N, C-alpha and C. Protein backbone atom coordinates (compact mmCIF):
# COMPACT_ATOMS: atom_id res chain seq x y z
N MET A 1 5.03 -12.07 -22.34
CA MET A 1 3.46 -11.86 -21.70
C MET A 1 3.62 -11.19 -20.64
N LEU A 2 4.76 -11.05 -19.69
CA LEU A 2 5.10 -9.98 -18.63
C LEU A 2 4.72 -8.81 -19.33
N ARG A 3 5.40 -8.06 -20.54
CA ARG A 3 5.53 -6.77 -20.86
C ARG A 3 4.23 -6.43 -21.08
N ASP A 4 3.51 -7.56 -21.95
CA ASP A 4 2.34 -7.31 -22.40
C ASP A 4 1.18 -7.05 -21.30
N GLN A 5 1.49 -7.42 -20.24
CA GLN A 5 0.67 -7.30 -19.29
C GLN A 5 0.10 -6.28 -18.78
N LEU A 6 1.35 -5.70 -18.76
CA LEU A 6 1.49 -3.72 -18.18
C LEU A 6 1.15 -2.96 -19.59
N THR A 7 2.06 -3.59 -20.69
CA THR A 7 1.61 -2.27 -21.66
C THR A 7 0.09 -2.28 -22.35
N SER A 8 -0.77 -3.44 -22.10
CA SER A 8 -1.94 -3.12 -22.70
C SER A 8 -2.78 -2.56 -21.65
N HIS A 9 -2.54 -2.75 -20.61
CA HIS A 9 -3.15 -1.82 -19.51
C HIS A 9 -2.90 -0.32 -19.41
N TRP A 10 -1.40 -0.35 -19.69
CA TRP A 10 -0.83 1.19 -19.66
C TRP A 10 -1.30 1.83 -20.70
N ASN A 11 -1.31 1.55 -22.29
CA ASN A 11 -1.68 2.05 -23.40
C ASN A 11 -3.04 2.09 -23.28
N GLY A 12 -3.74 1.07 -23.04
CA GLY A 12 -5.17 1.30 -23.05
C GLY A 12 -6.53 1.83 -22.00
N GLN A 13 -5.75 2.25 -20.58
CA GLN A 13 -6.43 2.75 -19.46
C GLN A 13 -5.71 3.53 -18.75
N LEU A 14 -4.74 3.59 -18.23
CA LEU A 14 -3.86 3.91 -17.55
C LEU A 14 -3.22 5.26 -17.90
N ARG A 15 -2.19 5.45 -18.77
CA ARG A 15 -1.90 6.46 -19.40
C ARG A 15 -2.87 7.44 -19.90
N PRO A 16 -4.05 7.09 -20.77
CA PRO A 16 -4.76 8.01 -21.38
C PRO A 16 -5.26 8.52 -19.74
N ARG A 17 -5.79 8.02 -19.05
CA ARG A 17 -6.18 8.63 -17.56
C ARG A 17 -5.59 10.03 -17.32
N LEU A 18 -4.39 9.54 -17.37
CA LEU A 18 -3.37 10.74 -17.25
C LEU A 18 -3.25 12.04 -17.84
N GLU A 19 -3.61 11.79 -19.11
CA GLU A 19 -3.33 13.08 -19.93
C GLU A 19 -4.50 14.18 -19.26
N GLY A 20 -3.89 15.21 -19.75
CA GLY A 20 -4.55 16.41 -18.98
C GLY A 20 -4.00 16.90 -17.46
N LEU A 21 -3.35 16.11 -16.85
CA LEU A 21 -3.49 16.44 -15.43
C LEU A 21 -2.78 17.40 -15.38
N THR A 22 -3.42 18.33 -14.21
CA THR A 22 -3.27 19.67 -14.21
C THR A 22 -2.40 19.73 -12.88
N ASP A 23 -1.86 21.01 -12.79
CA ASP A 23 -1.10 21.27 -11.34
C ASP A 23 -2.12 21.42 -10.16
N GLU A 24 -3.16 21.69 -10.20
CA GLU A 24 -3.91 21.98 -9.24
C GLU A 24 -4.26 20.99 -8.68
N GLU A 25 -4.67 19.83 -9.75
CA GLU A 25 -5.06 18.35 -9.35
C GLU A 25 -3.82 17.74 -8.92
N TYR A 26 -2.54 17.87 -9.28
CA TYR A 26 -1.66 17.44 -8.87
C TYR A 26 -1.00 17.57 -7.38
N PHE A 27 -1.51 18.47 -6.80
CA PHE A 27 -1.04 19.28 -5.41
C PHE A 27 -2.10 19.08 -4.81
N TRP A 28 -3.51 18.60 -4.99
CA TRP A 28 -4.76 18.76 -4.45
C TRP A 28 -5.03 18.12 -3.20
N GLU A 29 -5.30 18.37 -2.07
CA GLU A 29 -5.74 17.95 -1.02
C GLU A 29 -6.92 17.53 -0.41
N PRO A 30 -7.27 16.34 -1.17
CA PRO A 30 -9.20 16.22 -0.65
C PRO A 30 -9.45 16.11 0.93
N VAL A 31 -8.65 16.19 1.61
CA VAL A 31 -9.00 15.88 3.32
C VAL A 31 -7.49 16.72 3.67
N THR A 32 -8.17 16.75 5.05
CA THR A 32 -7.01 17.76 6.01
C THR A 32 -5.62 16.45 6.21
N ASP A 33 -4.44 17.01 6.55
CA ASP A 33 -3.67 16.10 6.83
C ASP A 33 -3.15 15.42 6.00
N CYS A 34 -2.99 15.70 4.65
CA CYS A 34 -2.59 14.89 3.46
C CYS A 34 -0.93 14.50 3.54
N TRP A 35 -0.66 13.47 3.00
CA TRP A 35 0.53 13.54 2.80
C TRP A 35 0.74 14.06 1.39
N ASN A 36 1.78 14.77 0.84
CA ASN A 36 2.06 15.43 -0.38
C ASN A 36 3.13 15.87 -0.77
N VAL A 37 3.44 16.21 -1.83
CA VAL A 37 4.72 16.94 -2.30
C VAL A 37 4.59 18.31 -2.07
N ARG A 38 5.65 19.04 -1.49
CA ARG A 38 5.40 20.29 -1.20
C ARG A 38 6.65 21.14 -1.27
N PRO A 39 6.96 22.33 -1.43
CA PRO A 39 7.87 23.24 -1.60
C PRO A 39 8.67 22.98 -0.52
N ARG A 40 9.96 23.09 -0.58
CA ARG A 40 10.98 22.85 0.63
C ARG A 40 10.88 23.33 1.47
N GLY A 41 10.90 22.60 2.84
CA GLY A 41 10.61 23.44 4.16
C GLY A 41 9.33 24.03 4.84
N THR A 42 8.25 23.44 3.61
CA THR A 42 6.98 23.47 4.32
C THR A 42 5.83 22.52 4.62
N GLY A 43 6.91 20.99 4.54
CA GLY A 43 6.12 19.60 4.85
C GLY A 43 5.50 19.75 6.06
N THR A 44 4.68 18.83 6.36
CA THR A 44 3.82 18.91 7.37
C THR A 44 3.67 17.62 8.21
N ALA A 45 4.49 16.85 7.93
CA ALA A 45 4.91 15.27 8.20
C ALA A 45 6.22 14.97 9.11
N GLN A 46 6.13 14.05 9.67
CA GLN A 46 7.31 13.76 10.67
C GLN A 46 8.64 13.82 9.68
N MET A 47 8.61 13.79 8.36
CA MET A 47 9.93 13.45 7.61
C MET A 47 9.64 14.37 6.60
N GLN A 48 10.50 15.01 5.64
CA GLN A 48 10.24 15.12 4.18
C GLN A 48 11.53 14.46 3.62
N ALA A 49 11.26 14.18 2.41
CA ALA A 49 12.99 13.69 1.75
C ALA A 49 12.93 14.08 0.34
N GLY A 50 13.95 14.44 -0.14
CA GLY A 50 14.03 14.56 -1.85
C GLY A 50 15.04 15.94 -1.67
N THR A 51 15.82 16.13 -3.38
CA THR A 51 16.39 16.91 -3.34
C THR A 51 16.05 17.96 -3.94
N GLY A 52 16.08 19.40 -4.27
CA GLY A 52 15.47 20.33 -5.07
C GLY A 52 14.57 20.98 -4.31
N ALA A 53 13.35 21.93 -5.25
CA ALA A 53 12.64 22.31 -4.69
C ALA A 53 11.62 22.36 -3.98
N VAL A 54 11.33 20.52 -4.13
CA VAL A 54 10.18 20.17 -3.33
C VAL A 54 10.36 19.01 -2.71
N THR A 55 9.84 18.33 -1.55
CA THR A 55 10.15 17.53 -0.98
C THR A 55 8.74 16.71 -0.84
N ILE A 56 8.56 15.53 -0.40
CA ILE A 56 7.78 14.58 -0.49
C ILE A 56 7.39 13.75 1.30
N ASP A 57 6.34 13.94 1.68
CA ASP A 57 5.93 13.83 3.46
C ASP A 57 5.95 12.41 3.35
N PHE A 58 6.65 11.87 4.57
CA PHE A 58 6.67 10.40 4.92
C PHE A 58 7.12 10.45 6.97
N ALA A 59 6.91 9.36 7.11
CA ALA A 59 7.12 9.28 8.32
C ALA A 59 7.92 8.10 8.64
N PHE A 60 8.52 7.29 9.49
CA PHE A 60 9.47 6.20 9.63
C PHE A 60 9.05 5.92 11.47
N PRO A 61 8.60 5.16 11.73
CA PRO A 61 7.64 4.24 11.12
C PRO A 61 6.42 5.03 10.64
N GLU A 62 5.62 4.25 9.97
CA GLU A 62 4.15 4.86 9.63
C GLU A 62 3.18 5.12 10.66
N PRO A 63 2.87 6.10 11.05
CA PRO A 63 1.83 6.34 11.87
C PRO A 63 0.40 5.74 11.30
N GLU A 64 -0.19 5.19 12.49
CA GLU A 64 -1.63 4.67 12.30
C GLU A 64 -2.72 5.45 12.52
N PRO A 65 -3.66 5.88 11.41
CA PRO A 65 -3.63 4.95 10.41
C PRO A 65 -2.63 6.12 9.50
N VAL A 66 -2.14 5.66 8.40
CA VAL A 66 -1.41 6.43 7.48
C VAL A 66 -1.89 7.58 6.81
N PRO A 67 -1.30 8.97 6.84
CA PRO A 67 -2.40 9.73 6.05
C PRO A 67 -2.53 9.32 5.15
N PHE A 68 -3.85 10.21 4.72
CA PHE A 68 -4.53 10.14 3.27
C PHE A 68 -3.44 10.55 2.33
N THR A 69 -3.24 10.23 1.12
CA THR A 69 -1.94 10.75 0.21
C THR A 69 -2.70 11.35 -0.97
N THR A 70 -2.18 12.38 -1.83
CA THR A 70 -2.32 13.02 -2.87
C THR A 70 -1.97 12.41 -4.48
N ILE A 71 -2.25 12.92 -5.29
CA ILE A 71 -1.88 12.61 -6.48
C ILE A 71 -0.23 12.75 -6.75
N SER A 72 -0.11 13.86 -6.39
CA SER A 72 1.69 14.06 -6.07
C SER A 72 2.42 13.09 -5.64
N TRP A 73 1.91 12.77 -4.07
CA TRP A 73 2.51 11.66 -3.22
C TRP A 73 2.62 10.41 -3.86
N ARG A 74 1.21 9.89 -4.28
CA ARG A 74 1.35 8.74 -4.82
C ARG A 74 2.00 8.53 -6.51
N LEU A 75 2.24 9.56 -7.23
CA LEU A 75 2.76 9.90 -8.61
C LEU A 75 4.39 9.36 -7.77
N GLY A 76 4.81 10.32 -6.94
CA GLY A 76 5.94 10.20 -6.14
C GLY A 76 6.72 8.51 -5.81
N HIS A 77 5.62 8.12 -5.27
CA HIS A 77 5.93 6.58 -4.99
C HIS A 77 5.96 5.63 -6.21
N VAL A 78 5.44 5.56 -7.07
CA VAL A 78 5.56 5.07 -8.19
C VAL A 78 6.74 5.36 -8.64
N ILE A 79 7.22 6.50 -9.04
CA ILE A 79 8.27 7.25 -10.28
C ILE A 79 9.50 6.66 -9.18
N VAL A 80 9.66 6.79 -7.45
CA VAL A 80 10.73 6.43 -7.09
C VAL A 80 11.00 5.22 -6.78
N GLY A 81 9.93 4.74 -5.70
CA GLY A 81 9.68 3.50 -4.93
C GLY A 81 9.36 2.10 -5.53
N VAL A 82 8.80 2.75 -6.94
CA VAL A 82 8.18 1.16 -7.38
C VAL A 82 9.17 1.15 -8.43
N LEU A 83 9.52 2.13 -9.43
CA LEU A 83 10.01 2.25 -10.22
C LEU A 83 11.92 2.38 -10.51
N ALA A 84 11.78 3.43 -10.53
CA ALA A 84 13.15 4.10 -9.96
C ALA A 84 14.20 3.21 -9.14
N VAL A 85 13.92 3.05 -8.15
CA VAL A 85 14.73 2.39 -7.30
C VAL A 85 15.08 0.89 -7.92
N ARG A 86 13.75 0.03 -8.47
CA ARG A 86 14.16 -0.97 -9.23
C ARG A 86 14.96 -1.03 -10.32
N ASN A 87 14.98 0.18 -11.12
CA ASN A 87 15.73 0.33 -12.52
C ASN A 87 17.08 0.77 -12.03
N ALA A 88 17.31 1.22 -11.05
CA ALA A 88 18.56 1.47 -10.53
C ALA A 88 19.43 -0.18 -9.90
N SER A 89 18.53 -0.64 -9.33
CA SER A 89 18.78 -2.20 -8.87
C SER A 89 19.12 -2.88 -9.95
N HIS A 90 18.43 -2.95 -11.07
CA HIS A 90 18.40 -4.07 -11.73
C HIS A 90 18.55 -3.84 -13.41
N PHE A 91 18.53 -2.65 -13.83
CA PHE A 91 18.65 -2.11 -15.27
C PHE A 91 19.51 -1.11 -15.49
N GLY A 92 20.31 -0.84 -14.55
CA GLY A 92 21.64 0.28 -14.49
C GLY A 92 21.55 1.73 -14.79
N ARG A 93 20.42 1.89 -14.05
CA ARG A 93 19.81 3.53 -13.96
C ARG A 93 20.84 3.80 -12.42
N THR A 94 21.37 5.24 -12.80
CA THR A 94 21.98 5.97 -12.06
C THR A 94 21.09 5.76 -10.39
N PRO A 95 21.56 5.19 -9.47
CA PRO A 95 21.10 5.24 -8.18
C PRO A 95 20.31 5.98 -7.40
N THR A 96 19.36 5.77 -6.93
CA THR A 96 18.49 6.72 -6.63
C THR A 96 17.66 6.13 -5.24
N ASP A 97 17.11 6.70 -4.38
CA ASP A 97 15.96 6.84 -3.51
C ASP A 97 15.47 7.33 -3.01
N TYR A 98 14.16 7.39 -1.97
CA TYR A 98 13.59 8.52 -1.78
C TYR A 98 13.93 9.88 -1.67
N GLU A 99 15.27 9.79 -0.38
CA GLU A 99 15.71 11.01 -0.15
C GLU A 99 16.68 11.58 -1.20
N SER A 100 17.36 10.89 -1.85
CA SER A 100 17.99 11.72 -3.24
C SER A 100 17.31 12.24 -4.35
N PHE A 101 16.15 11.45 -4.71
CA PHE A 101 15.35 11.67 -5.78
C PHE A 101 14.86 13.23 -6.01
N GLU A 102 14.93 13.80 -7.07
CA GLU A 102 14.38 15.56 -7.33
C GLU A 102 13.11 15.17 -7.74
N TYR A 103 12.07 15.27 -6.73
CA TYR A 103 10.96 15.44 -6.67
C TYR A 103 10.01 16.36 -8.15
N ALA A 104 9.09 15.93 -8.95
CA ALA A 104 8.75 16.95 -9.98
C ALA A 104 7.85 18.20 -9.22
N THR A 105 8.20 19.36 -9.88
CA THR A 105 7.40 20.43 -9.41
C THR A 105 6.17 21.09 -10.15
N THR A 106 5.91 20.03 -11.01
CA THR A 106 4.67 19.98 -11.82
C THR A 106 3.96 18.81 -12.29
N ALA A 107 2.66 18.95 -12.48
CA ALA A 107 2.28 17.70 -13.20
C ALA A 107 3.06 16.99 -14.49
N ALA A 108 3.24 17.76 -15.04
CA ALA A 108 3.94 17.56 -16.51
C ALA A 108 5.11 16.62 -16.34
N GLU A 109 5.98 17.42 -15.58
CA GLU A 109 6.99 16.97 -15.16
C GLU A 109 7.27 15.89 -14.55
N ALA A 110 6.17 15.61 -13.45
CA ALA A 110 5.84 14.40 -12.83
C ALA A 110 5.41 12.96 -14.00
N LEU A 111 4.95 13.07 -14.93
CA LEU A 111 4.34 12.63 -16.00
C LEU A 111 5.68 12.17 -16.99
N GLU A 112 6.56 13.17 -17.38
CA GLU A 112 7.95 12.96 -18.02
C GLU A 112 8.49 11.87 -17.06
N GLN A 113 8.46 11.83 -16.14
CA GLN A 113 9.77 11.35 -15.21
C GLN A 113 8.85 9.78 -14.82
N LEU A 114 7.73 9.83 -15.03
CA LEU A 114 6.87 8.38 -15.02
C LEU A 114 6.85 7.83 -16.18
N ASP A 115 7.09 8.47 -17.53
CA ASP A 115 7.52 8.06 -18.86
C ASP A 115 8.60 6.92 -18.88
N ALA A 116 9.65 8.08 -18.36
CA ALA A 116 11.30 7.54 -18.60
C ALA A 116 11.25 6.36 -17.75
N GLU A 117 10.70 6.46 -16.41
CA GLU A 117 10.99 5.08 -15.34
C GLU A 117 10.12 3.87 -16.19
N LEU A 118 9.20 4.06 -16.61
CA LEU A 118 8.64 3.22 -17.00
C LEU A 118 9.25 2.79 -18.23
N ALA A 119 9.72 3.40 -19.24
CA ALA A 119 10.31 3.26 -20.53
C ALA A 119 11.45 2.06 -19.80
N THR A 120 12.00 2.55 -18.97
CA THR A 120 13.40 2.22 -18.75
C THR A 120 13.00 0.44 -17.99
N TRP A 121 11.97 0.50 -17.01
CA TRP A 121 11.74 -0.85 -16.67
C TRP A 121 11.16 -1.51 -17.85
N LEU A 122 10.08 -1.07 -18.45
CA LEU A 122 9.70 -2.14 -19.67
C LEU A 122 10.80 -2.67 -20.59
N SER A 123 12.07 -1.69 -21.11
CA SER A 123 13.11 -2.37 -21.80
C SER A 123 13.72 -3.37 -21.01
N GLY A 124 14.15 -3.15 -19.85
CA GLY A 124 14.93 -4.08 -19.00
C GLY A 124 14.06 -5.24 -18.47
N VAL A 125 12.91 -5.25 -18.49
CA VAL A 125 12.01 -6.63 -18.28
C VAL A 125 12.42 -7.10 -19.71
N GLU A 126 12.32 -6.33 -21.05
CA GLU A 126 12.29 -7.23 -22.14
C GLU A 126 13.73 -7.82 -22.34
N SER A 127 14.93 -7.21 -21.97
CA SER A 127 15.99 -7.78 -21.66
C SER A 127 16.37 -9.02 -20.90
N LEU A 128 15.37 -9.09 -20.05
CA LEU A 128 15.72 -10.40 -19.35
C LEU A 128 15.54 -11.36 -19.98
N GLY A 129 14.80 -12.11 -20.81
CA GLY A 129 14.66 -13.18 -21.39
C GLY A 129 14.13 -14.19 -20.49
N ASP A 130 13.94 -15.37 -20.78
CA ASP A 130 13.32 -16.51 -19.84
C ASP A 130 14.50 -17.00 -18.75
N GLU A 131 15.61 -17.08 -19.51
CA GLU A 131 16.74 -17.13 -18.17
C GLU A 131 16.91 -16.30 -17.24
N GLY A 132 17.19 -14.98 -17.60
CA GLY A 132 17.09 -13.80 -16.75
C GLY A 132 15.33 -13.58 -15.66
N LEU A 133 14.59 -13.82 -16.03
CA LEU A 133 13.43 -14.17 -15.50
C LEU A 133 13.24 -15.07 -13.96
N ALA A 134 13.98 -16.24 -14.70
CA ALA A 134 14.36 -17.32 -13.55
C ALA A 134 15.56 -17.26 -12.55
N LYS A 135 16.22 -16.43 -12.58
CA LYS A 135 17.21 -15.79 -11.62
C LYS A 135 16.75 -15.35 -10.71
N PRO A 136 17.29 -15.42 -9.38
CA PRO A 136 17.03 -14.55 -8.31
C PRO A 136 16.97 -13.44 -8.15
N CYS A 137 16.34 -12.61 -7.74
CA CYS A 137 16.29 -11.31 -7.84
C CYS A 137 17.41 -10.47 -7.20
N GLY A 138 18.49 -11.14 -5.85
CA GLY A 138 19.56 -10.58 -5.61
C GLY A 138 19.41 -9.53 -4.35
N PRO A 139 20.10 -9.32 -3.70
CA PRO A 139 20.40 -8.54 -2.67
C PRO A 139 19.68 -7.41 -2.51
N ALA A 140 19.31 -6.80 -3.57
CA ALA A 140 18.83 -5.32 -3.73
C ALA A 140 17.22 -5.45 -3.02
N GLU A 141 16.74 -6.57 -3.32
CA GLU A 141 15.27 -7.20 -2.99
C GLU A 141 15.10 -7.13 -1.90
N GLY A 142 16.36 -7.44 -0.53
CA GLY A 142 15.84 -7.36 0.76
C GLY A 142 15.30 -8.92 1.18
N PRO A 143 14.52 -9.01 1.71
CA PRO A 143 14.00 -10.42 1.96
C PRO A 143 13.78 -11.09 0.85
N TYR A 144 13.22 -10.43 -0.42
CA TYR A 144 13.05 -11.17 -1.53
C TYR A 144 14.07 -11.85 -2.58
N ALA A 145 15.29 -11.58 -2.05
CA ALA A 145 16.25 -11.97 -2.97
C ALA A 145 16.22 -12.98 -3.66
N GLU A 146 15.72 -14.33 -2.84
CA GLU A 146 16.14 -15.49 -3.21
C GLU A 146 14.75 -15.90 -4.40
N ARG A 147 13.88 -14.75 -4.66
CA ARG A 147 12.46 -15.09 -5.25
C ARG A 147 13.13 -14.96 -6.78
N SER A 148 12.35 -14.92 -7.77
CA SER A 148 12.82 -15.01 -9.30
C SER A 148 12.32 -13.40 -9.48
N MET A 149 13.19 -12.96 -10.85
CA MET A 149 12.88 -12.01 -11.41
C MET A 149 11.41 -11.77 -11.56
N ALA A 150 10.83 -12.85 -12.55
CA ALA A 150 9.76 -12.93 -12.87
C ALA A 150 8.45 -12.66 -12.04
N GLU A 151 8.89 -12.89 -10.38
CA GLU A 151 7.74 -12.54 -9.44
C GLU A 151 8.22 -11.09 -9.07
N LEU A 152 9.36 -10.54 -9.00
CA LEU A 152 9.37 -9.11 -8.77
C LEU A 152 8.64 -8.43 -10.07
N VAL A 153 8.72 -8.38 -11.13
CA VAL A 153 8.13 -8.35 -12.45
C VAL A 153 6.34 -8.14 -11.96
N LEU A 154 5.84 -9.35 -11.88
CA LEU A 154 4.40 -8.97 -11.30
C LEU A 154 4.21 -8.34 -10.36
N HIS A 155 4.94 -8.32 -9.47
CA HIS A 155 4.83 -7.78 -7.98
C HIS A 155 5.07 -6.09 -8.69
N ILE A 156 5.85 -5.63 -9.38
CA ILE A 156 5.83 -4.36 -9.74
C ILE A 156 4.73 -4.19 -11.06
N HIS A 157 4.43 -5.01 -11.27
CA HIS A 157 3.26 -4.65 -12.47
C HIS A 157 1.81 -4.40 -11.63
N ARG A 158 1.73 -5.25 -10.50
CA ARG A 158 0.73 -5.18 -9.69
C ARG A 158 0.46 -3.68 -8.98
N GLU A 159 1.67 -3.24 -8.42
CA GLU A 159 2.03 -2.21 -8.04
C GLU A 159 1.22 -0.84 -9.22
N LEU A 160 2.24 -0.85 -9.95
CA LEU A 160 1.88 0.41 -11.17
C LEU A 160 0.16 0.30 -11.39
N ILE A 161 -0.17 -1.06 -11.33
CA ILE A 161 -1.58 -1.10 -11.70
C ILE A 161 -2.70 -0.47 -10.95
N HIS A 162 -2.14 -0.93 -9.16
CA HIS A 162 -2.84 -0.56 -8.40
C HIS A 162 -2.82 0.76 -7.74
N HIS A 163 -1.87 1.40 -7.47
CA HIS A 163 -1.48 3.02 -7.24
C HIS A 163 -1.74 4.09 -8.26
N LEU A 164 -1.46 3.47 -9.44
CA LEU A 164 -2.25 4.63 -11.00
C LEU A 164 -3.63 4.54 -11.02
N SER A 165 -4.08 3.14 -10.61
CA SER A 165 -5.79 3.60 -10.54
C SER A 165 -6.44 4.31 -9.38
N GLU A 166 -5.27 4.36 -8.26
CA GLU A 166 -5.80 5.10 -7.27
C GLU A 166 -6.00 6.61 -7.32
N VAL A 167 -4.82 6.88 -8.62
CA VAL A 167 -4.60 8.15 -8.89
C VAL A 167 -5.94 8.65 -9.75
N SER A 168 -6.37 7.77 -10.54
CA SER A 168 -7.34 7.64 -11.75
C SER A 168 -8.73 8.02 -10.91
N LEU A 169 -8.74 7.65 -9.82
CA LEU A 169 -9.94 7.77 -9.03
C LEU A 169 -9.85 8.82 -8.22
N LEU A 170 -8.82 9.60 -7.97
CA LEU A 170 -8.47 10.95 -7.36
C LEU A 170 -8.79 11.85 -8.57
N ARG A 171 -8.56 11.42 -9.72
CA ARG A 171 -8.77 12.63 -10.40
C ARG A 171 -10.54 12.73 -10.64
N ASP A 172 -11.25 11.32 -10.69
CA ASP A 172 -12.50 11.32 -10.47
C ASP A 172 -12.95 12.43 -9.67
N LEU A 173 -12.49 12.28 -8.77
CA LEU A 173 -12.94 12.65 -7.32
C LEU A 173 -13.00 14.75 -7.52
N TYR A 174 -11.36 14.40 -7.68
CA TYR A 174 -11.29 16.20 -7.93
C TYR A 174 -12.28 16.54 -9.31
N LEU A 175 -12.66 15.93 -10.20
CA LEU A 175 -13.50 16.31 -11.26
C LEU A 175 -14.89 16.80 -10.77
N HIS A 176 -15.21 15.79 -9.93
CA HIS A 176 -16.75 15.72 -9.37
C HIS A 176 -17.10 16.68 -8.04
N ALA A 177 -15.64 16.71 -7.47
CA ALA A 177 -15.51 18.05 -6.16
C ALA A 177 -15.81 19.36 -6.63
N ASN A 178 -15.09 19.35 -7.61
CA ASN A 178 -14.63 21.07 -8.31
C ASN A 178 -16.14 21.19 -9.20
N GLY A 179 -16.68 20.66 -9.75
CA GLY A 179 -17.68 20.97 -10.57
C GLY A 179 -17.04 21.01 -11.90
N SER A 180 -15.97 20.59 -12.24
CA SER A 180 -15.29 21.11 -13.60
C SER A 180 -15.17 19.83 -14.34
N LEU A 181 -16.44 19.33 -15.00
CA LEU A 181 -16.45 17.97 -15.95
C LEU A 181 -15.51 18.17 -17.16
N ARG A 182 -14.55 17.44 -17.41
CA ARG A 182 -13.90 17.66 -18.89
C ARG A 182 -14.98 17.58 -19.74
């Protein structure tokens, strides 16, 4: 049921809404002072993270209000903070975090990363079975270490649905703001 919760929404709504994502949309800044994924050395935030040609903007502690985030930033957050870190903690993925991840330089590459991390997540969730879902998350989840894996799965699925729905909305805004209806 937990796997089906996400896969039905992913296959029926979320993934189809990501089809055709262009690099222009991916990096588009609808307002000034956005947090984005930018070429190395051009970040505008207090901090930048990542290896490779691009970095992701962030600050610690976060400013109030938190800057508006672009599609590339939101996908980076989902790929790394929501999926890859959890895949590493629970399902054997190579360890990673915001600082050590190599962020995508194109929309197509970001979607490939998203698809790969989601496939690892869903396979891992399926492998847990009833017994694994009842076990505590463990120290990788910090203050939630004693909560069940089932609770973590529900949380991650909410995060995916939430943030990828935001990406869908930003695509709609881009489409209408730029007068290029598909």
